[in-house]
N, C-alpha and C. Protein backbone atom coordinates (compact mmCIF):
# COMPACT_ATOMS: atom_id res chain seq x y z
N MET A 1 0.84 -1.17 0.00
CA MET A 1 0.00 0.00 0.00
C MET A 1 0.89 1.24 0.00
N ALA A 2 0.51 2.21 -0.78
CA ALA A 2 1.28 3.45 -0.89
C ALA A 2 1.04 4.33 0.32
N SER A 3 2.04 5.15 0.63
CA SER A 3 1.89 6.12 1.72
C SER A 3 2.67 7.38 1.34
N ALA A 4 2.31 8.48 1.98
CA ALA A 4 2.98 9.75 1.73
C ALA A 4 3.05 10.53 3.02
N GLN A 5 4.07 11.35 3.12
CA GLN A 5 4.21 12.21 4.28
C GLN A 5 5.02 13.43 3.89
N TYR A 6 4.88 14.50 4.65
CA TYR A 6 5.66 15.71 4.43
C TYR A 6 7.00 15.56 5.14
N GLU A 7 8.03 16.05 4.51
CA GLU A 7 9.34 16.09 5.12
C GLU A 7 9.93 17.48 4.94
N THR A 8 10.76 17.87 5.87
CA THR A 8 11.42 19.15 5.78
C THR A 8 12.89 18.91 5.47
N ALA A 9 13.38 19.60 4.47
CA ALA A 9 14.79 19.48 4.10
C ALA A 9 15.43 20.87 4.16
N THR A 10 16.66 20.91 4.57
CA THR A 10 17.40 22.16 4.61
C THR A 10 18.37 22.18 3.44
N ARG A 11 18.34 23.28 2.68
CA ARG A 11 19.25 23.42 1.54
C ARG A 11 20.09 24.67 1.72
N THR A 12 21.31 24.57 1.34
CA THR A 12 22.19 25.73 1.34
C THR A 12 22.35 26.16 -0.11
N VAL A 13 22.09 27.41 -0.35
CA VAL A 13 22.17 27.93 -1.71
C VAL A 13 23.28 28.97 -1.77
N GLU A 14 24.15 28.83 -2.73
CA GLU A 14 25.19 29.82 -2.95
C GLU A 14 24.79 30.66 -4.15
N GLU A 15 24.89 31.96 -3.99
CA GLU A 15 24.49 32.86 -5.05
C GLU A 15 25.66 33.77 -5.39
N THR A 16 25.88 33.97 -6.67
CA THR A 16 26.93 34.87 -7.11
C THR A 16 26.31 36.20 -7.49
N LEU A 17 26.82 37.28 -6.95
CA LEU A 17 26.34 38.62 -7.25
C LEU A 17 27.38 39.35 -8.08
N VAL A 18 26.92 40.21 -8.94
CA VAL A 18 27.81 41.03 -9.74
C VAL A 18 27.73 42.46 -9.23
N VAL A 19 28.86 43.04 -8.91
CA VAL A 19 28.92 44.41 -8.42
C VAL A 19 29.66 45.25 -9.46
N LEU A 20 28.98 46.26 -9.97
CA LEU A 20 29.59 47.16 -10.94
C LEU A 20 30.11 48.38 -10.22
N LYS A 21 31.29 48.80 -10.56
CA LYS A 21 31.82 50.06 -10.06
C LYS A 21 31.91 50.98 -11.26
N LEU A 22 31.09 52.05 -11.23
CA LEU A 22 31.01 52.97 -12.35
C LEU A 22 31.21 54.40 -11.88
N THR A 23 31.75 55.22 -12.75
CA THR A 23 31.77 56.65 -12.47
C THR A 23 30.35 57.17 -12.66
N GLU A 24 30.07 58.38 -12.21
CA GLU A 24 28.73 58.94 -12.40
C GLU A 24 28.39 59.05 -13.88
N ASP A 25 29.35 59.43 -14.71
CA ASP A 25 29.10 59.53 -16.15
C ASP A 25 28.79 58.16 -16.75
N GLU A 26 29.51 57.14 -16.32
CA GLU A 26 29.26 55.79 -16.81
C GLU A 26 27.87 55.30 -16.37
N ALA A 27 27.50 55.60 -15.11
CA ALA A 27 26.18 55.21 -14.63
C ALA A 27 25.09 55.92 -15.40
N ASP A 28 25.29 57.21 -15.72
CA ASP A 28 24.32 57.96 -16.52
C ASP A 28 24.16 57.34 -17.90
N ALA A 29 25.28 56.96 -18.52
CA ALA A 29 25.23 56.33 -19.85
C ALA A 29 24.50 54.99 -19.79
N LEU A 30 24.77 54.21 -18.75
CA LEU A 30 24.10 52.91 -18.62
C LEU A 30 22.61 53.09 -18.37
N ARG A 31 22.22 54.12 -17.59
CA ARG A 31 20.81 54.43 -17.38
C ARG A 31 20.12 54.69 -18.71
N GLU A 32 20.77 55.45 -19.58
CA GLU A 32 20.18 55.76 -20.88
C GLU A 32 20.00 54.51 -21.72
N ILE A 33 21.01 53.64 -21.72
CA ILE A 33 20.93 52.40 -22.50
C ILE A 33 19.81 51.50 -21.97
N VAL A 34 19.78 51.28 -20.68
CA VAL A 34 18.76 50.40 -20.10
C VAL A 34 17.38 51.04 -20.21
N GLY A 35 17.30 52.35 -20.03
CA GLY A 35 16.02 53.05 -20.13
C GLY A 35 15.44 52.99 -21.53
N ALA A 36 16.28 52.85 -22.54
CA ALA A 36 15.82 52.77 -23.93
C ALA A 36 15.55 51.33 -24.34
N SER A 37 15.61 50.40 -23.40
CA SER A 37 15.41 48.99 -23.72
C SER A 37 13.95 48.69 -23.98
N ASP A 38 13.66 47.42 -24.10
CA ASP A 38 12.30 46.99 -24.45
C ASP A 38 11.32 46.98 -23.28
N GLY A 39 11.74 47.37 -22.10
CA GLY A 39 10.83 47.48 -20.96
C GLY A 39 10.48 46.17 -20.29
N THR A 40 11.28 45.13 -20.49
CA THR A 40 10.99 43.87 -19.80
C THR A 40 11.22 44.05 -18.31
N ARG A 41 10.66 43.15 -17.52
CA ARG A 41 10.81 43.25 -16.06
C ARG A 41 12.27 43.30 -15.64
N LEU A 42 13.12 42.51 -16.31
CA LEU A 42 14.54 42.51 -15.97
C LEU A 42 15.14 43.88 -16.20
N HIS A 43 14.85 44.48 -17.35
CA HIS A 43 15.38 45.81 -17.65
C HIS A 43 14.82 46.85 -16.69
N VAL A 44 13.54 46.74 -16.36
CA VAL A 44 12.94 47.69 -15.42
C VAL A 44 13.63 47.60 -14.07
N GLY A 45 13.89 46.39 -13.60
CA GLY A 45 14.57 46.21 -12.31
C GLY A 45 15.97 46.80 -12.31
N ILE A 46 16.69 46.59 -13.40
CA ILE A 46 18.04 47.15 -13.51
C ILE A 46 17.98 48.66 -13.52
N LEU A 47 17.05 49.21 -14.31
CA LEU A 47 16.94 50.66 -14.39
C LEU A 47 16.58 51.27 -13.04
N LYS A 48 15.63 50.65 -12.33
CA LYS A 48 15.26 51.18 -11.02
C LYS A 48 16.44 51.16 -10.06
N ALA A 49 17.24 50.09 -10.11
CA ALA A 49 18.42 50.02 -9.24
C ALA A 49 19.41 51.12 -9.59
N LEU A 50 19.63 51.33 -10.88
CA LEU A 50 20.55 52.39 -11.30
C LEU A 50 20.05 53.77 -10.91
N GLU A 51 18.75 53.98 -11.03
CA GLU A 51 18.20 55.30 -10.74
C GLU A 51 18.18 55.60 -9.26
N GLN A 52 18.26 54.59 -8.42
CA GLN A 52 18.27 54.82 -6.98
C GLN A 52 19.65 55.26 -6.49
N ILE A 53 20.64 55.20 -7.36
CA ILE A 53 21.98 55.65 -7.01
C ILE A 53 22.10 57.11 -7.38
N GLY A 54 21.78 57.98 -6.47
CA GLY A 54 21.93 59.40 -6.72
C GLY A 54 20.80 60.04 -7.50
N HIS A 55 20.03 59.26 -8.22
CA HIS A 55 18.94 59.82 -9.02
C HIS A 55 17.63 59.13 -8.69
N GLY A 56 17.52 58.57 -7.52
CA GLY A 56 16.42 57.68 -7.21
C GLY A 56 15.12 58.33 -6.89
N ALA A 57 14.19 57.51 -6.47
CA ALA A 57 12.85 57.93 -6.17
C ALA A 57 12.68 58.26 -4.69
N ASP A 58 13.79 58.47 -3.98
CA ASP A 58 13.70 58.81 -2.57
C ASP A 58 13.18 60.23 -2.41
N GLY A 59 12.49 60.48 -1.33
CA GLY A 59 12.02 61.82 -1.04
C GLY A 59 10.56 62.00 -1.38
N THR A 60 10.20 63.24 -1.56
CA THR A 60 8.81 63.58 -1.87
C THR A 60 8.75 64.54 -3.04
N TYR A 61 7.56 64.62 -3.61
CA TYR A 61 7.29 65.59 -4.67
C TYR A 61 5.99 66.27 -4.30
N THR A 62 5.98 67.59 -4.26
CA THR A 62 4.81 68.34 -3.86
C THR A 62 4.44 69.33 -4.97
N PRO A 63 3.56 68.91 -5.91
CA PRO A 63 3.19 69.81 -7.00
C PRO A 63 2.29 70.95 -6.54
N THR A 64 1.42 70.69 -5.58
CA THR A 64 0.53 71.73 -5.03
C THR A 64 0.51 71.58 -3.53
N VAL A 65 -0.60 71.15 -3.00
CA VAL A 65 -0.72 70.99 -1.55
C VAL A 65 -0.35 69.58 -1.12
N LYS A 66 -0.71 68.58 -1.94
CA LYS A 66 -0.47 67.18 -1.60
C LYS A 66 0.96 66.78 -1.90
N ALA A 67 1.63 66.17 -0.91
CA ALA A 67 2.98 65.67 -1.11
C ALA A 67 2.92 64.18 -1.42
N TYR A 68 3.68 63.75 -2.41
CA TYR A 68 3.76 62.34 -2.78
C TYR A 68 5.07 61.76 -2.27
N ASP A 69 4.97 60.62 -1.60
CA ASP A 69 6.14 59.88 -1.16
C ASP A 69 6.64 59.10 -2.38
N LEU A 70 7.80 59.44 -2.89
CA LEU A 70 8.29 58.85 -4.13
C LEU A 70 8.74 57.40 -3.98
N SER A 71 8.80 56.89 -2.76
CA SER A 71 9.14 55.48 -2.57
C SER A 71 7.89 54.64 -2.37
N ALA A 72 6.72 55.27 -2.42
CA ALA A 72 5.45 54.57 -2.19
C ALA A 72 4.72 54.29 -3.50
N ALA A 73 3.68 53.48 -3.40
CA ALA A 73 2.78 53.23 -4.52
C ALA A 73 1.44 53.90 -4.20
N TYR A 74 0.72 54.28 -5.26
CA TYR A 74 -0.57 54.96 -5.10
C TYR A 74 -1.62 54.27 -5.96
N ARG A 75 -2.82 54.09 -5.38
CA ARG A 75 -3.93 53.44 -6.09
C ARG A 75 -4.88 54.52 -6.61
N ASP A 76 -5.27 54.38 -7.89
CA ASP A 76 -6.22 55.33 -8.47
C ASP A 76 -7.65 54.84 -8.24
N ARG A 77 -8.63 55.60 -8.70
CA ARG A 77 -10.03 55.26 -8.42
C ARG A 77 -10.49 54.00 -9.15
N SER A 78 -9.76 53.56 -10.18
CA SER A 78 -10.15 52.32 -10.87
C SER A 78 -9.41 51.10 -10.31
N GLY A 79 -8.54 51.31 -9.33
CA GLY A 79 -7.85 50.19 -8.69
C GLY A 79 -6.44 49.95 -9.20
N ASP A 80 -6.01 50.66 -10.24
CA ASP A 80 -4.63 50.50 -10.73
C ASP A 80 -3.66 51.08 -9.71
N VAL A 81 -2.53 50.42 -9.54
CA VAL A 81 -1.52 50.86 -8.59
C VAL A 81 -0.35 51.45 -9.37
N TRP A 82 -0.03 52.69 -9.07
CA TRP A 82 1.01 53.46 -9.75
C TRP A 82 2.24 53.55 -8.87
N THR A 83 3.41 53.38 -9.47
CA THR A 83 4.67 53.56 -8.76
C THR A 83 5.51 54.57 -9.54
N PHE A 84 6.45 55.17 -8.86
CA PHE A 84 7.32 56.13 -9.50
C PHE A 84 8.44 55.38 -10.22
N THR A 85 8.77 55.85 -11.41
CA THR A 85 9.78 55.16 -12.23
C THR A 85 11.20 55.52 -11.81
N GLY A 86 11.36 56.60 -11.04
CA GLY A 86 12.69 57.09 -10.72
C GLY A 86 13.18 58.11 -11.74
N ARG A 87 12.41 58.27 -12.81
CA ARG A 87 12.75 59.25 -13.84
C ARG A 87 11.89 60.48 -13.65
N ARG A 88 12.37 61.58 -14.18
CA ARG A 88 11.62 62.83 -14.08
C ARG A 88 11.57 63.53 -15.43
N ALA A 89 10.51 64.29 -15.59
CA ALA A 89 10.36 65.14 -16.78
C ALA A 89 11.38 66.27 -16.68
N PRO A 90 11.65 66.96 -17.78
CA PRO A 90 12.61 68.07 -17.73
C PRO A 90 12.28 69.13 -16.68
N ASP A 91 10.99 69.30 -16.36
CA ASP A 91 10.63 70.29 -15.34
C ASP A 91 10.72 69.74 -13.91
N GLY A 92 11.17 68.47 -13.77
CA GLY A 92 11.36 67.87 -12.45
C GLY A 92 10.21 67.03 -11.96
N GLU A 93 9.09 67.01 -12.67
CA GLU A 93 7.95 66.21 -12.22
C GLU A 93 8.23 64.72 -12.44
N PRO A 94 7.94 63.89 -11.42
CA PRO A 94 8.22 62.46 -11.53
C PRO A 94 7.26 61.75 -12.50
N TYR A 95 7.81 60.79 -13.22
CA TYR A 95 7.00 59.91 -14.05
C TYR A 95 6.54 58.73 -13.21
N VAL A 96 5.36 58.21 -13.55
CA VAL A 96 4.79 57.05 -12.86
C VAL A 96 4.40 55.98 -13.87
N THR A 97 4.24 54.75 -13.36
CA THR A 97 3.82 53.63 -14.20
C THR A 97 2.95 52.69 -13.39
N TYR A 98 2.00 52.04 -14.06
CA TYR A 98 1.26 50.97 -13.40
C TYR A 98 1.58 49.64 -14.07
N THR A 99 2.45 49.65 -15.06
CA THR A 99 2.82 48.44 -15.79
C THR A 99 4.27 48.04 -15.57
N ASP A 100 4.96 48.71 -14.66
CA ASP A 100 6.39 48.48 -14.40
C ASP A 100 7.26 48.80 -15.61
N THR A 101 6.78 49.68 -16.47
CA THR A 101 7.57 50.10 -17.62
C THR A 101 8.31 51.38 -17.25
N ALA A 102 9.61 51.27 -17.09
CA ALA A 102 10.40 52.41 -16.61
C ALA A 102 10.42 53.57 -17.59
N SER A 103 10.17 53.30 -18.87
CA SER A 103 10.21 54.37 -19.86
C SER A 103 8.87 55.10 -19.99
N ASN A 104 7.91 54.75 -19.15
CA ASN A 104 6.59 55.38 -19.19
C ASN A 104 6.72 56.89 -18.93
N THR A 105 5.94 57.69 -19.65
CA THR A 105 6.03 59.15 -19.48
C THR A 105 4.77 59.77 -18.88
N ASP A 106 3.97 58.95 -18.18
CA ASP A 106 2.83 59.51 -17.46
C ASP A 106 3.35 60.29 -16.27
N ARG A 107 2.80 61.47 -16.06
CA ARG A 107 3.21 62.31 -14.93
C ARG A 107 2.21 62.14 -13.79
N ILE A 108 2.70 62.27 -12.58
CA ILE A 108 1.86 62.07 -11.41
C ILE A 108 0.67 63.04 -11.40
N THR A 109 0.87 64.28 -11.78
CA THR A 109 -0.25 65.24 -11.75
C THR A 109 -1.30 64.92 -12.81
N ASP A 110 -0.88 64.38 -13.95
CA ASP A 110 -1.85 63.98 -14.98
C ASP A 110 -2.70 62.80 -14.49
N ILE A 111 -2.06 61.85 -13.83
CA ILE A 111 -2.80 60.68 -13.31
C ILE A 111 -3.75 61.13 -12.21
N GLU A 112 -3.29 62.00 -11.35
CA GLU A 112 -4.16 62.53 -10.27
C GLU A 112 -5.37 63.23 -10.87
N ARG A 113 -5.16 64.04 -11.89
CA ARG A 113 -6.26 64.79 -12.51
C ARG A 113 -7.24 63.85 -13.22
N GLU A 114 -6.73 62.86 -13.96
CA GLU A 114 -7.58 61.98 -14.76
C GLU A 114 -8.15 60.80 -13.98
N TRP A 115 -7.40 60.27 -13.02
CA TRP A 115 -7.79 59.03 -12.35
C TRP A 115 -7.86 59.16 -10.83
N GLY A 116 -7.68 60.38 -10.31
CA GLY A 116 -7.67 60.59 -8.86
C GLY A 116 -9.05 60.48 -8.26
N PRO A 117 -9.09 60.50 -6.97
CA PRO A 117 -7.95 60.77 -6.10
C PRO A 117 -7.02 59.55 -6.01
N LEU A 118 -5.74 59.82 -5.81
CA LEU A 118 -4.77 58.76 -5.60
C LEU A 118 -4.59 58.57 -4.10
N THR A 119 -4.63 57.32 -3.68
CA THR A 119 -4.44 57.01 -2.27
C THR A 119 -3.21 56.15 -2.10
N LYS A 120 -2.43 56.48 -1.09
CA LYS A 120 -1.19 55.74 -0.83
C LYS A 120 -1.50 54.31 -0.43
N VAL A 121 -0.80 53.37 -1.05
CA VAL A 121 -0.96 51.95 -0.72
C VAL A 121 -0.13 51.68 0.53
N THR A 122 -0.80 51.16 1.55
CA THR A 122 -0.10 50.95 2.82
C THR A 122 0.06 49.49 3.20
N ASP A 123 -0.39 48.57 2.36
CA ASP A 123 -0.23 47.15 2.72
C ASP A 123 0.96 46.52 2.12
């Protein structure tokens, strides 16, 4: 007769990490290359990591009275969750995306106006 049971196993995993040492100019050039990519999740993750080095989404942006936490996500009235790409328009306004596409050029104030109110996601 067959039988089955759960067992717990411990595994040790070794992971190799790659650390790049770049000058600021080199990092800027790499940001441009990755930002112009096809927008796959891998490229988006790399771009977000690069943009958090000196050009990241840390801090706040206050276009009028409401301040946006640039490290947070915001839900619009239709349920889409928007995050900051780490990129900014020439006037300094942050770009946002709900598709994890770092090259998205939607601005936070446009999304607030068209799909607001935006509420900070806290879970």
